[in-house]
């Protein structure tokens, strides 16, 4: 018997929550980020659609700080039709989003994350994309312009400028009937919920399942969401590279991901350049032909240009060394994953 999922232990609505079903819902789950909520809710309230066409559903995914008190106060005071749910524990983002989706009354569902700031036309442009007949819509994502100038090399943000197979939950929408037909976000697959506790790829798998079962997809370049630049460090960056061990499994699971791979094998152009450099260095050492190591020049040139973008106390050369090690960690992780999932991705 599977473990019981998180339960809703509290709910708060705005004064205008009740009423006929609106046209579109915005869904956000949050965990331990009380400080982000005021600006996020303000962005949702600033959507340029009329009040009766929009509903906001926000889920506290088992936070242990003051997230719930902050969220419930914001929702209770909201001029929009808004609902806040509190779950009794955190079991990952998939159960939280599914719990929120069950409360949605609108036929269209737009999802973003708690570290994002939707622009005022976000829901309008999402709705426009659905009007073309799409069942899943991927929106554009750019870093928050206010944060970008001070961003460090290990800080976290997102860019989605063109269609990808990942359909990240920072900006994605589903026709509710297609979402329900596909079963929502998978809550149990070991590939998507590894022992580290950091969910991986459940958004890509849901989007593929919608399309596998006949749903149409669209990209909405004007449905823009800004992603905050989250401060981080090198240790966390290396942990992120280690998580790429699941990527071969994701490529095996989703043909969309498999087709997206660079030349069908490489994660992207960066990994292809690093793999060429690694092969050149190893071959030069084994054959004692040092000129073969020149195969690493494309990677070196690209990484030097990348390192020069950031002002750090380390300088370019030490930063380049850290980047080289992180690329090696990524290579090793994907090599392990390729063996485990019997699908080559490097």
C-alpha atoms as a PDB file:
ATOM      1  CA  UNK A   1       0.000   0.000   0.000  1.00  0.00           C
ATOM      2  CA  UNK A   2       1.403   3.418  -0.957  1.00  0.00           C
ATOM      3  CA  UNK A   3       2.041   6.032   1.681  1.00  0.00           C
ATOM      4  CA  UNK A   4      -0.779   8.469   2.278  1.00  0.00           C
ATOM      5  CA  UNK A   5      -0.205  11.764   0.537  1.00  0.00           C
ATOM      6  CA  UNK A   6      -0.125  15.118   2.312  1.00  0.00           C
ATOM      7  CA  UNK A   7      -3.463  16.254   3.729  1.00  0.00           C
ATOM      8  CA  UNK A   8      -5.005  19.724   3.637  1.00  0.00           C
ATOM      9  CA  UNK A   9      -5.093  20.941   7.241  1.00  0.00           C
ATOM     10  CA  UNK A  10      -6.179  24.545   6.749  1.00  0.00           C
ATOM     11  CA  UNK A  11      -7.686  26.783   4.094  1.00  0.00           C
ATOM     12  CA  UNK A  12      -8.347  30.496   3.780  1.00  0.00           C
ATOM     13  CA  UNK A  13     -10.270  32.314   1.065  1.00  0.00           C
ATOM     14  CA  UNK A  14     -10.651  35.929   0.049  1.00  0.00           C
ATOM     15  CA  UNK A  15     -14.027  37.610   0.424  1.00  0.00           C
ATOM     16  CA  UNK A  16     -14.732  37.230  -3.305  1.00  0.00           C
ATOM     17  CA  UNK A  17     -13.707  33.559  -3.681  1.00  0.00           C
ATOM     18  CA  UNK A  18     -17.219  32.160  -4.140  1.00  0.00           C
ATOM     19  CA  UNK A  19     -18.979  32.581  -7.446  1.00  0.00           C
ATOM     20  CA  UNK A  20     -19.161  31.113 -10.956  1.00  0.00           C
ATOM     21  CA  UNK A  21     -16.147  29.346 -12.399  1.00  0.00           C
ATOM     22  CA  UNK A  22     -13.616  31.844 -13.817  1.00  0.00           C
ATOM     23  CA  UNK A  23     -11.810  31.503 -17.156  1.00  0.00           C
ATOM     24  CA  UNK A  24      -8.303  30.786 -15.875  1.00  0.00           C
ATOM     25  CA  UNK A  25      -6.552  29.936 -12.604  1.00  0.00           C
ATOM     26  CA  UNK A  26      -3.049  30.740 -11.422  1.00  0.00           C
ATOM     27  CA  UNK A  27      -1.541  27.980  -9.257  1.00  0.00           C
ATOM     28  CA  UNK A  28       1.548  28.350  -7.051  1.00  0.00           C
ATOM     29  CA  UNK A  29       3.011  26.078  -4.399  1.00  0.00           C
ATOM     30  CA  UNK A  30       5.424  27.533  -1.873  1.00  0.00           C
ATOM     31  CA  UNK A  31       7.769  26.103   0.713  1.00  0.00           C
ATOM     32  CA  UNK A  32       9.765  28.099   3.247  1.00  0.00           C
ATOM     33  CA  UNK A  33       9.809  31.344   1.282  1.00  0.00           C
ATOM     34  CA  UNK A  34       7.635  33.694   3.271  1.00  0.00           C
ATOM     35  CA  UNK A  35       9.767  36.644   2.212  1.00  0.00           C
ATOM     36  CA  UNK A  36       8.894  36.139  -1.460  1.00  0.00           C
ATOM     37  CA  UNK A  37       5.132  35.968  -1.044  1.00  0.00           C
ATOM     38  CA  UNK A  38       4.118  39.620  -0.805  1.00  0.00           C
ATOM     39  CA  UNK A  39       5.687  40.528  -4.144  1.00  0.00           C
ATOM     40  CA  UNK A  40       4.506  37.316  -5.799  1.00  0.00           C
ATOM     41  CA  UNK A  41       0.894  37.817  -4.714  1.00  0.00           C
ATOM     42  CA  UNK A  42       1.052  41.446  -5.819  1.00  0.00           C
ATOM     43  CA  UNK A  43       2.123  40.297  -9.299  1.00  0.00           C
ATOM     44  CA  UNK A  44      -0.762  37.830  -9.435  1.00  0.00           C
ATOM     45  CA  UNK A  45      -3.221  40.474  -8.318  1.00  0.00           C
ATOM     46  CA  UNK A  46      -1.867  42.862 -10.990  1.00  0.00           C
ATOM     47  CA  UNK A  47      -2.904  40.575 -13.866  1.00  0.00           C
ATOM     48  CA  UNK A  48      -4.770  42.645 -16.438  1.00  0.00           C
ATOM     49  CA  UNK A  49      -7.814  40.358 -16.676  1.00  0.00           C
ATOM     50  CA  UNK A  50     -11.074  41.244 -14.873  1.00  0.00           C
ATOM     51  CA  UNK A  51     -11.585  39.884 -11.357  1.00  0.00           C
ATOM     52  CA  UNK A  52     -14.373  37.511 -12.364  1.00  0.00           C
ATOM     53  CA  UNK A  53     -12.173  35.823 -15.005  1.00  0.00           C
ATOM     54  CA  UNK A  54      -9.296  34.881 -12.680  1.00  0.00           C
ATOM     55  CA  UNK A  55      -8.780  32.786  -9.565  1.00  0.00           C
ATOM     56  CA  UNK A  56      -5.596  32.394  -7.521  1.00  0.00           C
ATOM     57  CA  UNK A  57      -4.795  29.107  -5.770  1.00  0.00           C
ATOM     58  CA  UNK A  58      -1.733  29.118  -3.523  1.00  0.00           C
ATOM     59  CA  UNK A  59      -0.503  26.095  -1.573  1.00  0.00           C
ATOM     60  CA  UNK A  60       1.758  26.103   1.490  1.00  0.00           C
ATOM     61  CA  UNK A  61       3.523  22.806   0.902  1.00  0.00           C
ATOM     62  CA  UNK A  62       4.162  21.929   4.540  1.00  0.00           C
ATOM     63  CA  UNK A  63       6.416  24.865   5.460  1.00  0.00           C
ATOM     64  CA  UNK A  64       7.842  25.022   8.977  1.00  0.00           C
ATOM     65  CA  UNK A  65       8.490  28.793   9.079  1.00  0.00           C
ATOM     66  CA  UNK A  66       5.953  31.640   8.992  1.00  0.00           C
ATOM     67  CA  UNK A  67       4.936  30.955   5.395  1.00  0.00           C
ATOM     68  CA  UNK A  68       1.382  29.998   6.321  1.00  0.00           C
ATOM     69  CA  UNK A  69       0.680  33.040   8.469  1.00  0.00           C
ATOM     70  CA  UNK A  70       2.059  35.297   5.725  1.00  0.00           C
ATOM     71  CA  UNK A  71       0.226  33.537   2.899  1.00  0.00           C
ATOM     72  CA  UNK A  72      -3.118  33.281   4.676  1.00  0.00           C
ATOM     73  CA  UNK A  73      -3.056  36.994   5.577  1.00  0.00           C
ATOM     74  CA  UNK A  74      -2.276  37.991   1.984  1.00  0.00           C
ATOM     75  CA  UNK A  75      -5.048  35.789   0.584  1.00  0.00           C
ATOM     76  CA  UNK A  76      -7.640  36.896   3.149  1.00  0.00           C
ATOM     77  CA  UNK A  77      -6.988  40.536   2.203  1.00  0.00           C
ATOM     78  CA  UNK A  78      -6.764  39.963  -1.557  1.00  0.00           C
ATOM     79  CA  UNK A  79      -9.178  41.832  -3.849  1.00  0.00           C
ATOM     80  CA  UNK A  80      -8.963  38.859  -6.218  1.00  0.00           C
ATOM     81  CA  UNK A  81     -10.766  35.545  -5.972  1.00  0.00           C
ATOM     82  CA  UNK A  82      -8.088  33.711  -4.003  1.00  0.00           C
ATOM     83  CA  UNK A  83      -7.659  30.502  -2.024  1.00  0.00           C
ATOM     84  CA  UNK A  84      -4.780  29.407   0.225  1.00  0.00           C
ATOM     85  CA  UNK A  85      -4.276  25.777   1.298  1.00  0.00           C
ATOM     86  CA  UNK A  86      -1.946  24.425   3.954  1.00  0.00           C
ATOM     87  CA  UNK A  87      -0.643  20.844   3.702  1.00  0.00           C
ATOM     88  CA  UNK A  88       0.397  18.889   6.768  1.00  0.00           C
ATOM     89  CA  UNK A  89       3.810  17.970   5.359  1.00  0.00           C
ATOM     90  CA  UNK A  90       6.112  18.390   2.402  1.00  0.00           C
ATOM     91  CA  UNK A  91       6.324  15.384   0.088  1.00  0.00           C
ATOM     92  CA  UNK A  92       7.806  17.269  -2.853  1.00  0.00           C
ATOM     93  CA  UNK A  93       6.324  19.734  -5.329  1.00  0.00           C
ATOM     94  CA  UNK A  94       4.153  17.218  -7.240  1.00  0.00           C
ATOM     95  CA  UNK A  95       1.716  16.456  -4.375  1.00  0.00           C
ATOM     96  CA  UNK A  96       1.483  20.167  -3.549  1.00  0.00           C
ATOM     97  CA  UNK A  97       0.606  21.140  -7.112  1.00  0.00           C
ATOM     98  CA  UNK A  98      -1.860  18.289  -7.443  1.00  0.00           C
ATOM     99  CA  UNK A  99      -3.582  19.341  -4.218  1.00  0.00           C
ATOM    100  CA  UNK A 100      -3.942  22.863  -5.545  1.00  0.00           C
ATOM    101  CA  UNK A 101      -5.138  21.674  -8.958  1.00  0.00           C
ATOM    102  CA  UNK A 102      -7.966  19.725  -7.296  1.00  0.00           C
ATOM    103  CA  UNK A 103      -9.320  23.023  -5.978  1.00  0.00           C
ATOM    104  CA  UNK A 104      -9.227  24.787  -9.347  1.00  0.00           C
ATOM    105  CA  UNK A 105     -12.614  25.549 -10.876  1.00  0.00           C
ATOM    106  CA  UNK A 106     -11.414  27.212 -14.082  1.00  0.00           C
ATOM    107  CA  UNK A 107     -10.989  25.157 -17.271  1.00  0.00           C
ATOM    108  CA  UNK A 108      -7.482  26.593 -17.788  1.00  0.00           C
ATOM    109  CA  UNK A 109      -4.613  26.284 -15.324  1.00  0.00           C
ATOM    110  CA  UNK A 110      -1.455  28.423 -15.356  1.00  0.00           C
ATOM    111  CA  UNK A 111       1.394  27.382 -13.034  1.00  0.00           C
ATOM    112  CA  UNK A 112       4.348  29.361 -11.743  1.00  0.00           C
ATOM    113  CA  UNK A 113       6.764  28.972  -8.824  1.00  0.00           C
ATOM    114  CA  UNK A 114       7.211  30.898  -5.606  1.00  0.00           C
ATOM    115  CA  UNK A 115      10.535  32.353  -6.791  1.00  0.00           C
ATOM    116  CA  UNK A 116       8.921  33.905  -9.868  1.00  0.00           C
ATOM    117  CA  UNK A 117       7.248  37.219 -10.699  1.00  0.00           C
ATOM    118  CA  UNK A 118       4.658  37.030 -13.503  1.00  0.00           C
ATOM    119  CA  UNK A 119       4.308  40.098 -15.697  1.00  0.00           C
ATOM    120  CA  UNK A 120       0.851  41.750 -15.883  1.00  0.00           C
ATOM    121  CA  UNK A 121      -0.133  40.149 -19.207  1.00  0.00           C
ATOM    122  CA  UNK A 122       0.908  36.642 -18.167  1.00  0.00           C
ATOM    123  CA  UNK A 123      -2.564  35.142 -17.768  1.00  0.00           C
ATOM    124  CA  UNK A 124      -4.009  37.029 -20.730  1.00  0.00           C
ATOM    125  CA  UNK A 125      -1.294  35.701 -23.039  1.00  0.00           C
ATOM    126  CA  UNK A 126      -1.624  32.196 -21.610  1.00  0.00           C
ATOM    127  CA  UNK A 127      -5.344  32.310 -22.313  1.00  0.00           C
ATOM    128  CA  UNK A 128      -4.671  33.562 -25.845  1.00  0.00           C
ATOM    129  CA  UNK A 129      -2.386  30.563 -26.457  1.00  0.00           C
ATOM    130  CA  UNK A 130      -5.061  28.157 -25.235  1.00  0.00           C
ATOM    131  CA  UNK A 131      -7.513  29.758 -27.668  1.00  0.00           C
ATOM    132  CA  UNK A 132      -5.443  28.242 -30.497  1.00  0.00           C
ATOM    133  CA  UNK A 133      -6.462  24.774 -29.274  1.00  0.00           C
ATOM    134  CA  UNK A 134      -3.398  23.976 -27.163  1.00  0.00           C
ATOM    135  CA  UNK A 135      -3.678  21.630 -24.182  1.00  0.00           C
ATOM    136  CA  UNK A 136      -0.269  22.520 -22.720  1.00  0.00           C
ATOM    137  CA  UNK A 137       1.376  25.925 -23.052  1.00  0.00           C
ATOM    138  CA  UNK A 138       4.973  26.771 -22.252  1.00  0.00           C
ATOM    139  CA  UNK A 139       5.610  30.419 -21.433  1.00  0.00           C
ATOM    140  CA  UNK A 140       8.758  32.532 -21.655  1.00  0.00           C
ATOM    141  CA  UNK A 141      11.007  32.976 -18.613  1.00  0.00           C
ATOM    142  CA  UNK A 142      13.762  35.545 -18.105  1.00  0.00           C
ATOM    143  CA  UNK A 143      15.774  36.494 -15.006  1.00  0.00           C
ATOM    144  CA  UNK A 144      14.391  39.300 -12.885  1.00  0.00           C
ATOM    145  CA  UNK A 145      15.979  42.450 -14.379  1.00  0.00           C
ATOM    146  CA  UNK A 146      16.410  43.903 -10.895  1.00  0.00           C
ATOM    147  CA  UNK A 147      18.595  40.968  -9.810  1.00  0.00           C
ATOM    148  CA  UNK A 148      20.512  40.145 -12.965  1.00  0.00           C
ATOM    149  CA  UNK A 149      23.326  42.765 -12.757  1.00  0.00           C
ATOM    150  CA  UNK A 150      24.554  41.393  -9.424  1.00  0.00           C
ATOM    151  CA  UNK A 151      24.221  37.719 -10.265  1.00  0.00           C
ATOM    152  CA  UNK A 152      27.160  35.493  -9.303  1.00  0.00           C
ATOM    153  CA  UNK A 153      28.436  32.410 -11.154  1.00  0.00           C
ATOM    154  CA  UNK A 154      26.656  29.925  -8.865  1.00  0.00           C
ATOM    155  CA  UNK A 155      23.387  31.796  -8.382  1.00  0.00           C
ATOM    156  CA  UNK A 156      20.205  30.208  -9.674  1.00  0.00           C
ATOM    157  CA  UNK A 157      17.751  31.605 -12.221  1.00  0.00           C
ATOM    158  CA  UNK A 158      16.023  30.497 -15.435  1.00  0.00           C
ATOM    159  CA  UNK A 159      15.966  31.376 -19.119  1.00  0.00           C
ATOM    160  CA  UNK A 160      13.250  29.964 -21.400  1.00  0.00           C
ATOM    161  CA  UNK A 161      13.365  31.914 -24.656  1.00  0.00           C
ATOM    162  CA  UNK A 162      12.151  29.221 -27.028  1.00  0.00           C
ATOM    163  CA  UNK A 163      10.242  25.927 -26.868  1.00  0.00           C
ATOM    164  CA  UNK A 164      11.978  23.177 -24.896  1.00  0.00           C
ATOM    165  CA  UNK A 165      10.832  19.682 -23.868  1.00  0.00           C
ATOM    166  CA  UNK A 166      10.987  20.501 -20.156  1.00  0.00           C
ATOM    167  CA  UNK A 167       7.845  22.605 -19.597  1.00  0.00           C
ATOM    168  CA  UNK A 168       9.263  23.917 -16.325  1.00  0.00           C
ATOM    169  CA  UNK A 169       6.686  24.825 -13.690  1.00  0.00           C
ATOM    170  CA  UNK A 170       8.087  28.338 -13.445  1.00  0.00           C
ATOM    171  CA  UNK A 171       5.795  29.040 -16.423  1.00  0.00           C
ATOM    172  CA  UNK A 172       3.515  26.386 -17.861  1.00  0.00           C
ATOM    173  CA  UNK A 173      -0.200  26.042 -18.427  1.00  0.00           C
ATOM    174  CA  UNK A 174      -2.582  23.100 -18.865  1.00  0.00           C
ATOM    175  CA  UNK A 175      -6.116  22.715 -20.046  1.00  0.00           C
ATOM    176  CA  UNK A 176      -7.623  21.202 -16.910  1.00  0.00           C
ATOM    177  CA  UNK A 177      -9.273  18.341 -18.801  1.00  0.00           C
ATOM    178  CA  UNK A 178      -5.874  17.368 -20.300  1.00  0.00           C
ATOM    179  CA  UNK A 179      -4.166  17.714 -16.902  1.00  0.00           C
ATOM    180  CA  UNK A 180      -6.703  15.365 -15.339  1.00  0.00           C
ATOM    181  CA  UNK A 181      -6.591  12.911 -18.251  1.00  0.00           C
ATOM    182  CA  UNK A 182      -2.815  12.635 -17.803  1.00  0.00           C
ATOM    183  CA  UNK A 183      -3.188  12.074 -14.052  1.00  0.00           C
ATOM    184  CA  UNK A 184      -1.500  15.279 -12.948  1.00  0.00           C
ATOM    185  CA  UNK A 185       2.097  15.367 -11.728  1.00  0.00           C
ATOM    186  CA  UNK A 186       3.520  11.942 -10.927  1.00  0.00           C
ATOM    187  CA  UNK A 187       3.978  11.630  -7.158  1.00  0.00           C
ATOM    188  CA  UNK A 188       5.682   8.235  -6.882  1.00  0.00           C
ATOM    189  CA  UNK A 189       8.076   7.440  -9.749  1.00  0.00           C
ATOM    190  CA  UNK A 190      11.595   6.886  -8.265  1.00  0.00           C
ATOM    191  CA  UNK A 191      13.211   8.563 -11.283  1.00  0.00           C
ATOM    192  CA  UNK A 192      11.276  11.757 -10.645  1.00  0.00           C
ATOM    193  CA  UNK A 193      11.623  11.610  -6.856  1.00  0.00           C
ATOM    194  CA  UNK A 194      15.201  10.452  -6.114  1.00  0.00           C
ATOM    195  CA  UNK A 195      16.522   9.725  -2.602  1.00  0.00           C
ATOM    196  CA  UNK A 196      18.008  13.227  -2.438  1.00  0.00           C
ATOM    197  CA  UNK A 197      14.451  14.545  -2.102  1.00  0.00           C
ATOM    198  CA  UNK A 198      14.926  16.986  -4.977  1.00  0.00           C
ATOM    199  CA  UNK A 199      12.227  16.362  -7.578  1.00  0.00           C
ATOM    200  CA  UNK A 200      13.529  15.952 -11.097  1.00  0.00           C
ATOM    201  CA  UNK A 201      11.669  15.990 -14.408  1.00  0.00           C
ATOM    202  CA  UNK A 202       8.080  15.518 -13.251  1.00  0.00           C
ATOM    203  CA  UNK A 203       7.128  18.630 -15.231  1.00  0.00           C
ATOM    204  CA  UNK A 204       8.664  17.274 -18.458  1.00  0.00           C
ATOM    205  CA  UNK A 205       6.971  13.898 -17.991  1.00  0.00           C
ATOM    206  CA  UNK A 206       3.534  15.410 -17.460  1.00  0.00           C
ATOM    207  CA  UNK A 207       3.835  17.575 -20.575  1.00  0.00           C
ATOM    208  CA  UNK A 208       4.885  14.544 -22.608  1.00  0.00           C
ATOM    209  CA  UNK A 209       1.993  12.473 -21.240  1.00  0.00           C
ATOM    210  CA  UNK A 210      -0.472  15.180 -22.275  1.00  0.00           C
ATOM    211  CA  UNK A 211       0.969  15.159 -25.789  1.00  0.00           C
ATOM    212  CA  UNK A 212       1.293  11.367 -25.921  1.00  0.00           C
ATOM    213  CA  UNK A 213      -2.431  11.093 -25.224  1.00  0.00           C
ATOM    214  CA  UNK A 214      -3.338  13.470 -28.044  1.00  0.00           C
ATOM    215  CA  UNK A 215      -2.903  16.930 -26.570  1.00  0.00           C
ATOM    216  CA  UNK A 216      -1.496  19.836 -28.563  1.00  0.00           C
ATOM    217  CA  UNK A 217       1.333  22.076 -27.345  1.00  0.00           C
ATOM    218  CA  UNK A 218       2.114  25.754 -27.860  1.00  0.00           C
ATOM    219  CA  UNK A 219       4.777  28.258 -26.864  1.00  0.00           C
ATOM    220  CA  UNK A 220       3.644  31.695 -25.635  1.00  0.00           C
ATOM    221  CA  UNK A 221       6.577  34.085 -25.955  1.00  0.00           C
ATOM    222  CA  UNK A 222       4.542  37.001 -24.587  1.00  0.00           C
ATOM    223  CA  UNK A 223       3.324  35.139 -21.501  1.00  0.00           C
ATOM    224  CA  UNK A 224       6.419  36.288 -19.659  1.00  0.00           C
ATOM    225  CA  UNK A 225       7.461  35.400 -16.131  1.00  0.00           C
ATOM    226  CA  UNK A 226      10.555  36.795 -14.429  1.00  0.00           C
ATOM    227  CA  UNK A 227      12.534  34.347 -12.325  1.00  0.00           C
ATOM    228  CA  UNK A 228      14.342  35.678  -9.278  1.00  0.00           C
ATOM    229  CA  UNK A 229      18.118  35.274  -9.126  1.00  0.00           C
ATOM    230  CA  UNK A 230      18.546  33.108  -6.033  1.00  0.00           C
ATOM    231  CA  UNK A 231      21.909  33.415  -4.256  1.00  0.00           C
ATOM    232  CA  UNK A 232      23.759  30.118  -4.065  1.00  0.00           C
ATOM    233  CA  UNK A 233      27.268  28.727  -3.722  1.00  0.00           C
ATOM    234  CA  UNK A 234      29.661  26.345  -5.409  1.00  0.00           C
ATOM    235  CA  UNK A 235      28.722  23.418  -3.192  1.00  0.00           C
ATOM    236  CA  UNK A 236      25.074  23.676  -4.191  1.00  0.00           C
ATOM    237  CA  UNK A 237      26.089  24.109  -7.836  1.00  0.00           C
ATOM    238  CA  UNK A 238      28.022  20.818  -7.708  1.00  0.00           C
ATOM    239  CA  UNK A 239      25.003  19.126  -6.123  1.00  0.00           C
ATOM    240  CA  UNK A 240      22.912  20.332  -9.057  1.00  0.00           C
ATOM    241  CA  UNK A 241      25.431  18.822 -11.494  1.00  0.00           C
ATOM    242  CA  UNK A 242      25.234  15.508  -9.649  1.00  0.00           C
ATOM    243  CA  UNK A 243      21.454  15.486 -10.135  1.00  0.00           C
ATOM    244  CA  UNK A 244      22.063  15.171 -13.885  1.00  0.00           C
ATOM    245  CA  UNK A 245      22.433  11.432 -13.260  1.00  0.00           C
ATOM    246  CA  UNK A 246      18.682  11.266 -13.776  1.00  0.00           C
ATOM    247  CA  UNK A 247      18.793  12.914 -17.185  1.00  0.00           C
ATOM    248  CA  UNK A 248      19.395   9.713 -19.221  1.00  0.00           C
ATOM    249  CA  UNK A 249      16.308   8.249 -17.557  1.00  0.00           C
ATOM    250  CA  UNK A 250      14.337  11.344 -18.484  1.00  0.00           C
ATOM    251  CA  UNK A 251      15.532  11.058 -22.096  1.00  0.00           C
ATOM    252  CA  UNK A 252      14.419   7.431 -22.104  1.00  0.00           C
ATOM    253  CA  UNK A 253      11.039   8.405 -20.649  1.00  0.00           C
ATOM    254  CA  UNK A 254      10.242  11.391 -22.875  1.00  0.00           C
ATOM    255  CA  UNK A 255      10.821  11.302 -26.641  1.00  0.00           C
ATOM    256  CA  UNK A 256      10.592  15.095 -26.554  1.00  0.00           C
ATOM    257  CA  UNK A 257      13.690  15.224 -24.349  1.00  0.00           C
ATOM    258  CA  UNK A 258      15.460  12.604 -26.462  1.00  0.00           C
ATOM    259  CA  UNK A 259      14.903  14.606 -29.652  1.00  0.00           C
ATOM    260  CA  UNK A 260      16.101  17.796 -27.962  1.00  0.00           C
ATOM    261  CA  UNK A 261      19.556  16.386 -27.108  1.00  0.00           C
ATOM    262  CA  UNK A 262      22.494  17.875 -28.980  1.00  0.00           C
ATOM    263  CA  UNK A 263      23.304  15.418 -31.788  1.00  0.00           C
ATOM    264  CA  UNK A 264      21.114  12.884 -30.025  1.00  0.00           C
ATOM    265  CA  UNK A 265      23.683  12.163 -27.312  1.00  0.00           C
ATOM    266  CA  UNK A 266      24.945  15.305 -25.592  1.00  0.00           C
ATOM    267  CA  UNK A 267      23.028  17.235 -22.961  1.00  0.00           C
ATOM    268  CA  UNK A 268      23.848  20.474 -24.778  1.00  0.00           C
ATOM    269  CA  UNK A 269      26.641  22.253 -26.640  1.00  0.00           C
ATOM    270  CA  UNK A 270      28.514  22.902 -23.387  1.00  0.00           C
ATOM    271  CA  UNK A 271      28.711  19.225 -22.501  1.00  0.00           C
ATOM    272  CA  UNK A 272      29.731  18.360 -26.070  1.00  0.00           C
ATOM    273  CA  UNK A 273      32.649  20.812 -25.872  1.00  0.00           C
ATOM    274  CA  UNK A 274      33.730  19.457 -22.494  1.00  0.00           C
ATOM    275  CA  UNK A 275      33.536  15.844 -23.685  1.00  0.00           C
ATOM    276  CA  UNK A 276      35.691  16.716 -26.707  1.00  0.00           C
ATOM    277  CA  UNK A 277      38.198  18.435 -24.415  1.00  0.00           C
ATOM    278  CA  UNK A 278      38.274  15.461 -22.044  1.00  0.00           C
ATOM    279  CA  UNK A 279      38.763  13.033 -24.902  1.00  0.00           C
ATOM    280  CA  UNK A 280      41.578  15.183 -26.276  1.00  0.00           C
ATOM    281  CA  UNK A 281      43.439  15.415 -22.964  1.00  0.00           C
ATOM    282  CA  UNK A 282      43.103  11.684 -22.239  1.00  0.00           C
ATOM    283  CA  UNK A 283      44.172  10.721 -25.763  1.00  0.00           C
ATOM    284  CA  UNK A 284      47.158  13.087 -25.613  1.00  0.00           C
ATOM    285  CA  UNK A 285      48.268  11.536 -22.316  1.00  0.00           C
ATOM    286  CA  UNK A 286      47.895   7.962 -23.546  1.00  0.00           C
ATOM    287  CA  UNK A 287      49.463   8.461 -26.985  1.00  0.00           C
ATOM    288  CA  UNK A 288      52.030  11.050 -25.844  1.00  0.00           C
ATOM    289  CA  UNK A 289      50.924  13.338 -28.647  1.00  0.00           C
ATOM    290  CA  UNK A 290      50.366  16.695 -26.894  1.00  0.00           C
ATOM    291  CA  UNK A 291      48.879  18.397 -29.939  1.00  0.00           C
ATOM    292  CA  UNK A 292      45.790  16.198 -29.598  1.00  0.00           C
ATOM    293  CA  UNK A 293      44.949  18.170 -26.440  1.00  0.00           C
ATOM    294  CA  UNK A 294      44.122  21.121 -28.703  1.00  0.00           C
ATOM    295  CA  UNK A 295      40.716  19.472 -29.038  1.00  0.00           C
ATOM    296  CA  UNK A 296      39.990  21.218 -25.738  1.00  0.00           C
ATOM    297  CA  UNK A 297      40.288  24.716 -27.206  1.00  0.00           C
ATOM    298  CA  UNK A 298      36.570  25.159 -28.040  1.00  0.00           C
ATOM    299  CA  UNK A 299      35.632  24.343 -24.420  1.00  0.00           C
ATOM    300  CA  UNK A 300      38.431  26.526 -23.029  1.00  0.00           C
ATOM    301  CA  UNK A 301      37.483  29.514 -25.171  1.00  0.00           C
ATOM    302  CA  UNK A 302      33.806  29.215 -24.233  1.00  0.00           C
ATOM    303  CA  UNK A 303      34.469  28.803 -20.521  1.00  0.00           C
ATOM    304  CA  UNK A 304      36.946  31.708 -20.396  1.00  0.00           C
ATOM    305  CA  UNK A 305      34.339  33.991 -21.961  1.00  0.00           C
ATOM    306  CA  UNK A 306      31.799  32.683 -19.447  1.00  0.00           C
ATOM    307  CA  UNK A 307      34.132  33.280 -16.483  1.00  0.00           C
ATOM    308  CA  UNK A 308      34.823  36.860 -17.557  1.00  0.00           C
ATOM    309  CA  UNK A 309      31.141  37.742 -17.174  1.00  0.00           C
ATOM    310  CA  UNK A 310      31.361  37.552 -13.390  1.00  0.00           C
ATOM    311  CA  UNK A 311      33.177  39.713 -10.894  1.00  0.00           C
ATOM    312  CA  UNK A 312      34.467  37.489  -8.107  1.00  0.00           C
ATOM    313  CA  UNK A 313      37.321  37.628  -5.653  1.00  0.00           C
ATOM    314  CA  UNK A 314      38.833  34.537  -7.258  1.00  0.00           C
ATOM    315  CA  UNK A 315      39.861  35.875 -10.643  1.00  0.00           C
ATOM    316  CA  UNK A 316      39.328  34.216 -14.015  1.00  0.00           C
ATOM    317  CA  UNK A 317      41.825  31.341 -13.688  1.00  0.00           C
ATOM    318  CA  UNK A 318      40.592  29.924 -10.343  1.00  0.00           C
ATOM    319  CA  UNK A 319      36.992  30.361 -11.476  1.00  0.00           C
ATOM    320  CA  UNK A 320      37.866  28.506 -14.668  1.00  0.00           C
ATOM    321  CA  UNK A 321      39.199  25.646 -12.536  1.00  0.00           C
ATOM    322  CA  UNK A 322      35.924  25.481 -10.605  1.00  0.00           C
ATOM    323  CA  UNK A 323      33.952  25.453 -13.852  1.00  0.00           C
ATOM    324  CA  UNK A 324      36.135  22.640 -15.206  1.00  0.00           C
ATOM    325  CA  UNK A 325      35.531  20.560 -12.087  1.00  0.00           C
ATOM    326  CA  UNK A 326      31.774  21.187 -12.225  1.00  0.00           C
ATOM    327  CA  UNK A 327      31.714  20.064 -15.859  1.00  0.00           C
ATOM    328  CA  UNK A 328      33.614  16.922 -14.842  1.00  0.00           C
ATOM    329  CA  UNK A 329      31.077  16.231 -12.079  1.00  0.00           C
ATOM    330  CA  UNK A 330      28.262  16.629 -14.617  1.00  0.00           C
ATOM    331  CA  UNK A 331      30.008  14.258 -17.048  1.00  0.00           C
ATOM    332  CA  UNK A 332      30.501  11.618 -14.349  1.00  0.00           C
ATOM    333  CA  UNK A 333      26.887  11.924 -13.202  1.00  0.00           C
ATOM    334  CA  UNK A 334      25.498  11.483 -16.700  1.00  0.00           C
ATOM    335  CA  UNK A 335      27.858   8.574 -17.361  1.00  0.00           C
ATOM    336  CA  UNK A 336      26.525   6.827 -14.226  1.00  0.00           C
ATOM    337  CA  UNK A 337      22.974   7.605 -15.263  1.00  0.00           C
ATOM    338  CA  UNK A 338      23.602   6.315 -18.779  1.00  0.00           C
ATOM    339  CA  UNK A 339      24.630   2.937 -17.381  1.00  0.00           C
ATOM    340  CA  UNK A 340      21.758   2.816 -14.899  1.00  0.00           C
ATOM    341  CA  UNK A 341      19.048   3.794 -17.367  1.00  0.00           C
ATOM    342  CA  UNK A 342      20.573   2.160 -20.463  1.00  0.00           C
ATOM    343  CA  UNK A 343      20.348   5.378 -22.441  1.00  0.00           C
ATOM    344  CA  UNK A 344      23.535   7.236 -23.458  1.00  0.00           C
ATOM    345  CA  UNK A 345      23.561  10.933 -22.529  1.00  0.00           C
ATOM    346  CA  UNK A 346      26.873  12.761 -21.980  1.00  0.00           C
END
